[in-house]
Amino acid sequence: MELAYYSDYAVRLVNTEEPARSKDGLTSVDAVRELFGANAQAARRATDADVTRFRSVRARLRAVFEAADGGDETLAVDLLNSLLLEFPVSPQISGHDTRDEDGKPDWHMHLADHPSNATAGYAAIAVMGLAFHLTSHGVDRLGLCEAVPCRNAYLDTSTNRSRRYCSDRCATRANVAAYRARKRLETERSAETGLSADAAQPSTPSTDL
């Protein structure tokens, strides 16, 4: 498994909350377990106590995205380094579960965690994956959706670093909103132009004797 894959762990966790909408999807141990995806063995370690711990890690990961989105590279790196120190991993070469076309082991890097609880395990993977993405692609590849009021986190993998939204849905919504705003402005300007033209017309002199 490539290390880049693990960066999605961070995005999934951050996006369980929508602060602007006062929505929080991380309210139960089942919600915590869903974050692990196919890693059922790790998910089974989760307990009710992990709900609070996951929320704490989520806030710190969002702070990394906020710093990156705001252009403060140093702060983003410092916050991420702090998480790396707190949630270490043990990288290992793995290939026992995959084979190439010749039937030989498909060797790849795997982040083996040895956590004291489910939160520590998930955080270690998420933080290492995010750090790998940041150092490989740049701090400016970490962003927050510009579609108000979304602000979901995303990783920009576009070739020209042009991504601004977390999903096609948000991009469409933002484009529609921008179009409507332009049409309103055009209408207002047209109305103002019409009023100005009316005001500039000379009054017709009276012909009454």
Protein backbone atom coordinates (compact mmCIF):
# COMPACT_ATOMS: atom_id res chain seq x y z
CA MET A 1 0.00 0.00 0.00
CA GLU A 2 1.41 3.41 -0.98
CA LEU A 3 1.87 5.95 1.78
CA ALA A 4 -0.18 8.47 -0.20
CA TYR A 5 -3.24 6.34 0.42
CA TYR A 6 -3.09 7.06 4.12
CA SER A 7 -3.57 10.80 3.67
CA ASP A 8 -7.24 10.11 3.01
CA TYR A 9 -7.57 9.00 6.63
CA ALA A 10 -6.97 12.61 7.70
CA VAL A 11 -9.48 14.00 5.20
CA ARG A 12 -12.18 11.53 6.24
CA LEU A 13 -11.76 12.40 9.91
CA VAL A 14 -11.73 16.18 9.42
CA ASN A 15 -14.84 16.02 7.26
CA THR A 16 -16.94 14.30 9.91
CA GLU A 17 -17.66 17.81 11.15
CA GLU A 18 -19.18 20.82 9.40
CA PRO A 19 -18.55 23.71 11.82
CA ALA A 20 -20.41 26.32 9.76
CA ARG A 21 -23.52 24.16 9.77
CA SER A 22 -23.07 23.03 13.41
CA LYS A 23 -23.09 19.41 12.22
CA ASP A 24 -21.03 16.64 13.79
CA GLY A 25 -21.09 13.13 12.38
CA LEU A 26 -18.75 11.76 15.02
CA THR A 27 -21.22 11.05 17.80
CA SER A 28 -20.93 7.29 18.44
CA VAL A 29 -18.49 4.41 18.48
CA ASP A 30 -20.12 3.10 15.31
CA ALA A 31 -19.25 6.36 13.55
CA VAL A 32 -15.65 5.95 14.72
CA ARG A 33 -15.51 2.39 13.38
CA GLU A 34 -16.83 3.48 9.99
CA LEU A 35 -13.78 5.72 9.55
CA PHE A 36 -11.51 2.68 9.41
CA GLY A 37 -13.17 1.46 6.24
CA ALA A 38 -11.96 -1.98 5.25
CA ASN A 39 -9.61 -2.19 8.23
CA ALA A 40 -12.13 -4.14 10.31
CA GLN A 41 -9.56 -5.46 12.76
CA ALA A 42 -8.49 -1.96 13.77
CA ALA A 43 -12.11 -0.79 13.93
CA ARG A 44 -12.96 -3.46 16.48
CA ARG A 45 -10.56 -1.83 18.95
CA ALA A 46 -12.73 1.29 19.13
CA THR A 47 -14.70 2.00 22.29
CA ASP A 48 -16.98 4.79 23.45
CA ALA A 49 -13.95 6.57 24.92
CA ASP A 50 -12.52 6.95 21.43
CA VAL A 51 -15.32 9.28 20.36
CA THR A 52 -13.92 12.13 22.45
CA ARG A 53 -10.33 11.28 21.56
CA PHE A 54 -11.12 11.23 17.84
CA ARG A 55 -12.75 14.65 18.10
CA SER A 56 -9.60 16.06 19.67
CA VAL A 57 -7.40 14.71 16.89
CA ARG A 58 -9.91 15.98 14.33
CA ALA A 59 -9.63 19.54 15.65
CA ARG A 60 -5.85 19.42 15.42
CA LEU A 61 -5.91 18.04 11.88
CA ARG A 62 -8.37 20.73 10.80
CA ALA A 63 -5.96 23.31 12.20
CA VAL A 64 -3.30 21.93 9.84
CA PHE A 65 -5.63 22.35 6.85
CA GLU A 66 -6.65 25.84 7.99
CA ALA A 67 -3.03 26.93 8.29
CA ALA A 68 -2.19 25.50 4.85
CA ASP A 69 -5.30 27.04 3.29
CA GLY A 70 -4.39 30.39 4.82
CA GLY A 71 -0.90 30.27 3.34
CA ASP A 72 0.93 29.78 6.66
CA GLU A 73 3.24 26.92 5.66
CA THR A 74 5.39 27.10 8.77
CA LEU A 75 2.42 26.79 11.11
CA ALA A 76 0.97 23.89 9.11
CA VAL A 77 4.27 22.02 9.31
CA ASP A 78 4.74 22.77 13.01
CA LEU A 79 1.26 21.49 13.84
CA LEU A 80 1.84 18.35 11.80
CA ASN A 81 5.22 17.73 13.38
CA SER A 82 3.62 17.93 16.80
CA LEU A 83 1.13 15.24 15.79
CA LEU A 84 3.87 13.06 14.31
CA LEU A 85 5.74 13.12 17.61
CA GLU A 86 2.63 12.25 19.58
CA PHE A 87 1.42 9.49 17.25
CA PRO A 88 4.44 7.60 15.85
CA VAL A 89 4.27 4.66 13.44
CA SER A 90 6.54 1.76 12.52
CA PRO A 91 6.96 1.60 8.73
CA GLN A 92 7.35 -1.94 7.42
CA ILE A 93 7.83 -3.57 4.02
CA SER A 94 4.83 -5.74 3.25
CA GLY A 95 3.92 -8.06 0.41
CA HIS A 96 2.41 -11.11 2.02
CA ASP A 97 -1.12 -10.25 0.92
CA THR A 98 -0.49 -9.16 -2.69
CA ARG A 99 1.16 -10.74 -5.71
CA ASP A 100 2.36 -9.35 -9.03
CA GLU A 101 1.61 -10.91 -12.43
CA ASP A 102 4.44 -13.41 -11.95
CA GLY A 103 3.09 -14.54 -8.61
CA LYS A 104 5.86 -12.89 -6.65
CA PRO A 105 5.21 -10.72 -3.59
CA ASP A 106 4.31 -7.14 -4.51
CA TRP A 107 6.52 -5.42 -1.97
CA HIS A 108 5.28 -2.07 -0.70
CA MET A 109 5.47 0.17 2.34
CA HIS A 110 2.95 -0.41 5.08
CA LEU A 111 2.40 1.70 8.18
CA ALA A 112 2.21 -0.77 11.03
CA ASP A 113 0.84 0.82 14.16
CA HIS A 114 1.11 -0.45 17.69
CA PRO A 115 -1.44 1.73 19.47
CA SER A 116 -2.70 1.78 23.01
CA ASN A 117 -6.18 2.56 21.68
CA ALA A 118 -8.07 2.95 18.39
CA THR A 119 -7.54 6.72 18.28
CA ALA A 120 -3.77 6.41 18.52
CA GLY A 121 -3.75 3.84 15.72
CA TYR A 122 -5.93 5.87 13.38
CA ALA A 123 -4.16 9.14 14.16
CA ALA A 124 -0.72 7.63 13.50
CA ILE A 125 -1.79 6.48 10.04
CA ALA A 126 -3.65 9.71 9.19
CA VAL A 127 -0.84 12.01 10.32
CA MET A 128 1.90 10.05 8.55
CA GLY A 129 -0.13 9.94 5.35
CA LEU A 130 -0.79 13.67 5.49
CA ALA A 131 2.87 14.39 6.16
CA PHE A 132 3.86 12.28 3.17
CA HIS A 133 1.39 14.13 0.95
CA LEU A 134 2.59 17.52 2.17
CA THR A 135 6.29 16.81 1.64
CA SER A 136 5.72 15.14 -1.73
CA HIS A 137 3.31 17.64 -3.27
CA GLY A 138 3.54 20.87 -1.25
CA VAL A 139 1.65 22.58 1.55
CA ASP A 140 -0.58 24.36 -0.95
CA ARG A 141 -2.06 20.99 -1.90
CA LEU A 142 -3.97 20.96 1.39
CA GLY A 143 -7.14 22.99 1.10
CA LEU A 144 -10.56 23.82 2.49
CA CYS A 145 -13.59 23.98 0.22
CA GLU A 146 -14.44 27.51 -0.94
CA ALA A 147 -18.14 26.72 -1.34
CA VAL A 148 -19.83 28.56 1.53
CA PRO A 149 -20.63 27.25 4.07
CA CYS A 150 -18.97 23.87 3.35
CA ARG A 151 -15.26 24.23 4.31
CA ASN A 152 -14.59 20.49 4.00
CA ALA A 153 -10.94 19.48 3.73
CA TYR A 154 -9.50 18.13 0.50
CA LEU A 155 -6.17 17.17 -1.06
CA ASP A 156 -5.47 18.86 -4.37
CA THR A 157 -4.19 16.29 -6.87
CA SER A 158 -4.89 18.38 -9.99
CA THR A 159 -2.05 18.85 -12.46
CA ASN A 160 -2.23 22.65 -12.33
CA ARG A 161 -2.97 23.11 -8.61
CA SER A 162 -6.36 24.57 -9.45
CA ARG A 163 -8.70 22.69 -7.12
CA ARG A 164 -10.89 24.91 -4.95
CA TYR A 165 -13.76 22.66 -3.89
CA CYS A 166 -14.06 19.38 -2.02
CA SER A 167 -16.47 17.81 -4.52
CA ASP A 168 -18.19 18.27 -7.86
CA ARG A 169 -21.38 19.04 -5.97
CA CYS A 170 -19.81 21.98 -4.16
CA ALA A 171 -18.16 23.21 -7.37
CA THR A 172 -21.51 23.18 -9.16
CA ARG A 173 -23.26 24.95 -6.30
CA ALA A 174 -20.57 27.64 -6.17
CA ASN A 175 -20.70 28.15 -9.94
CA VAL A 176 -24.49 28.48 -9.89
CA ALA A 177 -24.29 30.98 -7.02
CA ALA A 178 -21.65 33.00 -8.88
CA TYR A 179 -23.77 33.00 -12.05
CA ARG A 180 -26.84 34.22 -10.19
CA ALA A 181 -24.79 36.93 -8.50
CA ARG A 182 -23.53 38.15 -11.88
CA LYS A 183 -27.06 38.20 -13.29
CA ARG A 184 -28.32 40.22 -10.30
CA LEU A 185 -25.48 42.70 -10.76
CA GLU A 186 -26.22 43.03 -14.47
CA THR A 187 -29.89 43.62 -13.72
CA GLU A 188 -29.08 46.26 -11.11
CA ARG A 189 -26.66 48.03 -13.44
CA SER A 190 -29.19 47.93 -16.26
CA ALA A 191 -31.84 49.43 -14.00
CA GLU A 192 -29.45 52.17 -12.85
CA THR A 193 -28.49 52.94 -16.45
CA GLY A 194 -32.14 53.23 -17.39
CA LEU A 195 -32.86 55.61 -14.54
CA SER A 196 -29.87 57.75 -15.45
CA ALA A 197 -30.99 57.92 -19.06
CA ASP A 198 -34.50 58.99 -18.02
CA ALA A 199 -33.10 61.69 -15.76
CA ALA A 200 -30.91 63.03 -18.56
CA GLN A 201 -33.82 63.50 -21.00
CA PRO A 202 -34.79 67.22 -21.38
CA SER A 203 -38.30 68.08 -20.36
CA THR A 204 -40.75 68.82 -23.22
CA PRO A 205 -41.60 72.57 -23.33
CA SER A 206 -45.22 73.42 -22.88
CA THR A 207 -47.14 74.60 -26.03
CA ASP A 208 -50.11 75.96 -24.12
CA LEU A 209 -50.84 79.67 -24.70
